[in-house]
Protein backbone atom coordinates (compact mmCIF):
# COMPACT_ATOMS: atom_id res chain seq x y z
CA MET A 1 46.65 134.83 346.61
CA SER A 2 44.01 137.08 345.31
CA GLN A 3 45.10 140.63 344.40
CA ILE A 4 40.97 141.82 345.11
CA LYS A 5 40.87 143.50 348.11
CA ALA A 6 36.97 142.60 349.43
CA ILE A 7 35.17 145.90 350.63
CA THR A 8 32.45 147.37 352.92
CA ASP A 9 30.17 150.06 353.48
CA ASP A 10 32.38 151.44 356.46
CA SER A 11 36.11 150.18 354.76
CA PHE A 12 34.91 152.71 351.51
CA GLU A 13 36.31 155.35 352.25
CA ASP A 14 40.00 154.69 353.33
CA ASP A 15 40.36 151.67 350.70
CA VAL A 16 39.07 153.51 348.22
CA ILE A 17 38.46 157.64 348.53
CA HIS A 18 41.78 157.85 350.71
CA SER A 19 44.05 155.25 348.59
CA THR A 20 47.32 156.44 346.92
CA LYS A 21 46.19 154.05 343.90
CA PRO A 22 43.22 154.31 341.11
CA VAL A 23 40.86 151.70 342.43
CA LEU A 24 38.94 150.11 340.20
CA VAL A 25 35.42 149.04 342.37
CA ASP A 26 33.53 146.31 340.64
CA PHE A 27 30.04 146.75 342.70
CA TRP A 28 28.01 143.22 342.72
CA ALA A 29 25.63 140.98 344.19
CA GLU A 30 25.33 136.72 344.99
CA TRP A 31 22.52 136.45 342.81
CA CYS A 32 23.49 138.37 339.38
CA GLY A 33 24.68 135.93 336.39
CA PRO A 34 26.84 138.65 334.67
CA CYS A 35 28.72 139.69 337.91
CA LYS A 36 29.68 135.41 338.41
CA MET A 37 31.21 136.01 334.51
CA LEU A 38 33.04 139.06 334.45
CA ALA A 39 34.43 137.92 337.86
CA VAL A 40 37.18 135.72 335.63
CA SER A 41 37.90 138.83 334.24
CA ILE A 42 38.69 141.27 336.79
CA GLU A 43 40.58 138.69 338.92
CA GLN A 44 42.95 138.49 335.60
CA ILE A 45 43.24 142.17 335.67
CA ALA A 46 43.89 142.55 339.21
CA GLU A 47 46.98 140.77 338.53
CA GLU A 48 48.38 142.19 335.54
CA TYR A 49 47.66 146.18 336.67
CA ALA A 50 48.63 145.33 340.22
CA ASP A 51 51.33 147.65 339.86
CA ARG A 52 49.20 150.67 338.48
CA LEU A 53 45.13 149.78 340.29
CA GLN A 54 44.06 148.26 343.41
CA VAL A 55 40.78 146.63 342.72
CA ALA A 56 38.29 145.71 344.98
CA THR A 57 34.33 144.54 345.16
CA LEU A 58 31.58 145.65 346.84
CA ASN A 59 28.75 143.39 347.48
CA VAL A 60 25.44 145.67 347.08
CA ASP A 61 23.47 143.35 349.29
CA GLU A 62 25.54 143.30 352.44
CA ASN A 63 26.83 146.85 351.87
CA PRO A 64 23.45 149.06 350.43
CA ALA A 65 24.83 152.72 351.49
CA THR A 66 27.54 153.11 349.15
CA PRO A 67 25.63 151.70 345.85
CA GLN A 68 23.22 154.64 346.88
CA THR A 69 25.31 157.26 347.21
CA TYR A 70 26.93 156.70 343.60
CA GLY A 71 23.46 155.99 342.34
CA ILE A 72 24.22 152.97 341.26
CA ASP A 73 20.89 150.35 340.19
CA SER A 74 22.21 148.14 337.40
CA MET A 75 24.93 144.68 338.28
CA PRO A 76 27.78 144.45 337.74
CA THR A 77 28.77 147.82 337.91
CA LEU A 78 32.02 148.98 337.61
CA MET A 79 33.44 152.43 339.10
CA LEU A 80 37.17 153.76 338.52
CA PHE A 81 38.05 156.11 341.34
CA SER A 82 41.21 157.68 341.00
CA GLY A 83 41.71 160.76 343.75
CA GLY A 84 38.74 160.36 345.48
CA HIS A 85 36.45 161.14 342.74
CA VAL A 86 35.08 158.86 339.94
CA VAL A 87 36.41 158.32 336.59
CA GLY A 88 35.47 156.83 334.48
CA THR A 89 32.09 153.83 334.87
CA LYS A 90 30.94 150.83 332.87
CA ILE A 91 27.53 149.05 333.27
CA GLY A 92 27.03 145.47 332.58
CA ALA A 93 29.36 142.73 331.60
CA ILE A 94 32.03 143.88 329.60
CA THR A 95 35.15 141.48 327.97
CA LYS A 96 38.37 141.54 329.31
CA SER A 97 39.28 143.58 326.20
CA GLY A 98 36.82 145.74 326.90
CA LEU A 99 37.59 146.49 330.27
CA ILE A 100 41.80 147.05 329.08
CA SER A 101 40.36 149.46 327.04
CA PHE A 102 38.67 150.76 329.49
CA LEU A 103 41.63 151.49 331.99
CA ASP A 104 44.14 151.84 329.58
CA GLY A 105 41.99 155.41 328.68
CA LYS A 106 41.60 156.56 332.04
CA LEU A 107 45.20 155.11 333.76
C-alpha cells in the first residue's frame, strides 16, 4: 500500500497547510518524463520517512490553481511544507540521495 497521498486543489489546504506533519508535495504531470523517473524515489522516501513526513502528489494539469498560487512552472517541482509554510523547494529531477540530503537538511 502506497504511503503517498494524491491531493487536489480542493484538498490542498486540509492535506498540506493544516497537516500536523511536514508534507513533501510532488507537483507532477502525466507528460513529464523526469516526473516518472522521480516517482520511484518518491515512493521509497514515502516509506522510509513515514514516521516523520507525509508525501503527497498533485497533478498540475488536473489541479492548476495550487501550482499557480506557488508560482510553479517547471516539472517536477518538490515543495516541503511545515506548519503551513514552504520550507524548501527543489525543481527538476533529483537523485534519491539528493532528495535525502534536501529532506534531512530541512526536517
